[in-house]
Every structure is written in structure tokens, then in C-alpha cells.
Protein backbone atom coordinates (compact mmCIF):
# COMPACT_ATOMS: atom_id res chain seq x y z
CA UNK A 1 -38.94 11.63 -17.22
CA UNK A 2 -40.28 8.08 -17.17
CA UNK A 3 -37.88 5.17 -16.78
CA UNK A 4 -38.09 4.01 -20.38
CA UNK A 5 -37.25 7.48 -21.74
CA UNK A 6 -34.43 7.91 -19.21
CA UNK A 7 -32.97 4.51 -20.14
CA UNK A 8 -32.98 5.54 -23.81
CA UNK A 9 -31.26 8.87 -23.10
CA UNK A 10 -28.77 7.17 -20.77
CA UNK A 11 -28.08 4.54 -23.43
CA UNK A 12 -27.39 7.26 -26.00
CA UNK A 13 -25.01 8.99 -23.61
CA UNK A 14 -23.26 5.75 -22.67
CA UNK A 15 -22.71 5.09 -26.38
CA UNK A 16 -21.18 8.57 -26.80
CA UNK A 17 -18.89 8.18 -23.79
CA UNK A 18 -17.93 4.50 -24.19
CA UNK A 19 -14.98 5.15 -26.55
CA UNK A 20 -13.44 7.36 -23.85
CA UNK A 21 -14.05 5.01 -20.91
CA UNK A 22 -12.80 1.69 -19.60
CA UNK A 23 -16.19 1.29 -17.91
CA UNK A 24 -19.41 3.29 -17.90
CA UNK A 25 -22.69 2.34 -16.24
CA UNK A 26 -25.89 4.11 -15.27
CA UNK A 27 -26.50 4.28 -11.53
CA UNK A 28 -29.11 6.09 -9.43
CA UNK A 29 -32.81 5.72 -10.08
CA UNK A 30 -32.23 4.15 -13.51
CA UNK A 31 -30.25 1.29 -11.98
CA UNK A 32 -32.90 0.97 -9.25
CA UNK A 33 -35.58 0.85 -12.01
CA UNK A 34 -37.68 3.65 -10.54
CA UNK A 35 -40.71 4.55 -12.64
CA UNK A 36 -39.78 8.25 -12.56
CA UNK A 37 -36.22 9.54 -13.09
CA UNK A 38 -35.18 13.08 -12.16
CA UNK A 39 -31.61 12.88 -13.43
CA UNK A 40 -29.11 10.47 -14.93
CA UNK A 41 -26.21 9.30 -12.80
CA UNK A 42 -23.30 7.60 -14.55
CA UNK A 43 -20.25 6.03 -12.97
CA UNK A 44 -17.26 5.88 -15.27
CA UNK A 45 -13.63 4.87 -15.37
CA UNK A 46 -11.93 7.10 -17.97
CA UNK A 47 -9.65 5.58 -20.58
CA UNK A 48 -8.00 8.96 -21.21
CA UNK A 49 -8.93 11.85 -18.91
CA UNK A 50 -8.02 14.54 -21.47
CA UNK A 51 -10.03 13.05 -24.31
CA UNK A 52 -12.95 12.40 -21.98
CA UNK A 53 -12.84 16.01 -20.75
CA UNK A 54 -12.94 17.23 -24.35
CA UNK A 55 -15.89 14.96 -25.16
CA UNK A 56 -17.79 16.15 -22.08
CA UNK A 57 -17.09 19.75 -23.05
CA UNK A 58 -18.37 19.03 -26.57
CA UNK A 59 -21.56 17.65 -24.96
CA UNK A 60 -22.06 20.92 -23.09
CA UNK A 61 -20.40 20.17 -19.76
CA UNK A 62 -19.33 23.45 -18.17
CA UNK A 63 -19.23 22.32 -14.54
CA UNK A 64 -17.03 19.74 -12.97
CA UNK A 65 -13.89 18.62 -11.33
CA UNK A 66 -11.79 15.50 -11.20
CA UNK A 67 -14.54 13.39 -9.58
CA UNK A 68 -17.85 14.88 -10.77
CA UNK A 69 -19.05 16.37 -14.04
CA UNK A 70 -22.54 17.86 -14.34
CA UNK A 71 -24.43 18.95 -17.47
CA UNK A 72 -27.78 18.77 -19.24
CA UNK A 73 -28.16 16.17 -21.99
CA UNK A 74 -31.26 15.78 -24.15
CA UNK A 75 -33.43 17.58 -21.62
CA UNK A 76 -32.25 15.87 -18.42
CA UNK A 77 -29.56 16.66 -15.88
CA UNK A 78 -26.58 14.30 -15.93
CA UNK A 79 -24.10 13.67 -13.13
CA UNK A 80 -20.97 11.78 -14.14
CA UNK A 81 -18.98 10.31 -11.25
CA UNK A 82 -15.37 9.48 -12.07
CA UNK A 83 -14.06 6.26 -10.53
CA UNK A 84 -10.86 4.25 -10.63
CA UNK A 85 -10.73 0.45 -10.78
CA UNK A 86 -10.27 0.50 -6.99
CA UNK A 87 -13.23 2.79 -6.29
CA UNK A 88 -15.60 1.45 -8.97
CA UNK A 89 -17.72 -0.97 -6.93
CA UNK A 90 -18.17 1.26 -3.88
CA UNK A 91 -18.90 4.34 -5.96
CA UNK A 92 -21.43 2.38 -8.04
CA UNK A 93 -23.08 1.18 -4.81
CA UNK A 94 -23.25 4.66 -3.29
CA UNK A 95 -24.36 6.40 -6.49
CA UNK A 96 -27.06 3.79 -7.07
CA UNK A 97 -28.60 4.62 -3.69
CA UNK A 98 -31.23 5.06 -2.54
CA UNK A 99 -30.28 7.71 0.02
CA UNK A 100 -32.16 5.77 2.68
CA UNK A 101 -30.36 2.57 1.74
CA UNK A 102 -26.99 4.33 1.88
CA UNK A 103 -27.82 5.69 5.33
CA UNK A 104 -28.71 2.17 6.47
CA UNK A 105 -25.37 0.80 5.20
CA UNK A 106 -23.39 3.69 6.73
CA UNK A 107 -25.24 3.28 10.05
CA UNK A 108 -24.54 -0.46 10.09
CA UNK A 109 -20.85 0.29 9.47
CA UNK A 110 -20.81 2.92 12.21
CA UNK A 111 -22.27 0.47 14.77
CA UNK A 112 -19.11 -1.60 14.18
CA UNK A 113 -16.86 1.44 14.46
CA UNK A 114 -16.33 1.29 10.70
CA UNK A 115 -16.77 3.85 7.92
CA UNK A 116 -18.31 3.44 4.45
CA UNK A 117 -16.57 6.06 2.36
CA UNK A 118 -18.91 7.82 -0.08
CA UNK A 119 -15.97 8.79 -2.31
CA UNK A 120 -15.67 5.14 -3.32
CA UNK A 121 -12.68 4.16 -1.19
CA UNK A 122 -14.63 1.29 0.32
CA UNK A 123 -15.52 0.05 3.78
CA UNK A 124 -12.88 0.75 6.42
CA UNK A 125 -12.54 -0.67 9.92
CA UNK A 126 -11.87 1.25 13.14
CA UNK A 127 -8.13 1.24 12.36
CA UNK A 128 -8.70 2.73 8.91
CA UNK A 129 -7.96 -0.52 7.09
CA UNK A 130 -10.04 -1.31 4.03
CA UNK A 131 -12.12 -4.41 4.76
CA UNK A 132 -14.35 -4.46 1.65
CA UNK A 133 -15.12 -2.60 -1.55
CA UNK A 134 -13.83 -4.63 -4.47
CA UNK A 135 -17.44 -5.60 -5.19
CA UNK A 136 -20.81 -4.40 -3.97
CA UNK A 137 -21.40 -7.88 -2.59
CA UNK A 138 -18.23 -7.66 -0.47
CA UNK A 139 -19.60 -4.62 1.37
CA UNK A 140 -22.90 -6.31 2.17
CA UNK A 141 -21.06 -9.45 3.32
CA UNK A 142 -18.61 -7.53 5.53
CA UNK A 143 -21.56 -5.79 7.18
CA UNK A 144 -23.30 -9.13 7.75
CA UNK A 145 -26.14 -8.28 5.37
CA UNK A 146 -27.64 -10.26 2.50
CA UNK A 147 -26.89 -8.76 -0.91
CA UNK A 148 -29.67 -6.61 -2.37
CA UNK A 149 -30.10 -6.10 -6.08
CA UNK A 150 -30.21 -2.40 -7.06
CA UNK A 151 -33.99 -2.43 -7.54
CA UNK A 152 -34.37 -3.74 -3.97
CA UNK A 153 -32.48 -0.82 -2.43
CA UNK A 154 -35.30 1.39 -1.22
């Protein structure tokens, strides 16, 4: 699906989910502004997990767990990643990608003896202490890298 179509579908889905979420934002290739989108990735913070689960079920979601829901919506696969306020920024960073960019960040962390946790828990030092993750920018800064906008992350 082209970017414009995917943005429209994602916008429709965000509007349907917004009443059940504290935050909801498209990630993945939509956030990176890729010309072609294979699926829609959303990162959300639920307002009420039970009501959100019912809404997702009503939308056709039949697969998922506490951190990931997956279902087709208007002809495109949707992956919904469930965050908390503490995991929001890191999960948004990781789920925005690209895969290659994530590998570069994780490799940079590893060279310091650190770990960038893909579950959204943030950037942790060699002692397991969280050193960054409240914002995407904080992770770049802690790794000694200039911040990259999502569309620059290829």
C-alpha cells in the first residue's frame, strides 16, 4: 500500500482506538515516511485494558497478548504494541525502526557493554541500570550519537 493510503488507514484506526488510549501513534514505515508500507505498526498506552481489548476484538483482533495485538484492518496487517508511560519512548524508537537502524543502535550500546532493550525498558548499562529511555533523544545522546528524525533512520 502506498504511504498516503496507509496514513489514511492508520488515521482511521487511530481515531477508533483513541478513546481507549492515553497515547496512540503510528510507528514503523509510516513514521519513517516510506513510499511503500507493508503493515501498520501502532504504539499505544491503554487507558483501560479491558475496554481496549473489547474494541480490538470488535475490530477483528483474534491474536495477541499483553504486549502485542495483531489483526487485519481495511486490507492491511496491523501490529499494536502496548506500552506504559515508562516504555513509551523506547518502544516507539524500536518499533519505528528501521531494522538496520535498530541494529546500529544496539551494536553501539553493546560496544559500551550496555543493552538497548527491545521491549521498551530503555538503555541499560553494564550493571543493569537504566541510563536512558524517557525520550528517543535521550537514547541517542547516551550513545553519543546525534538525534535522527524517524525519516532519517534507514
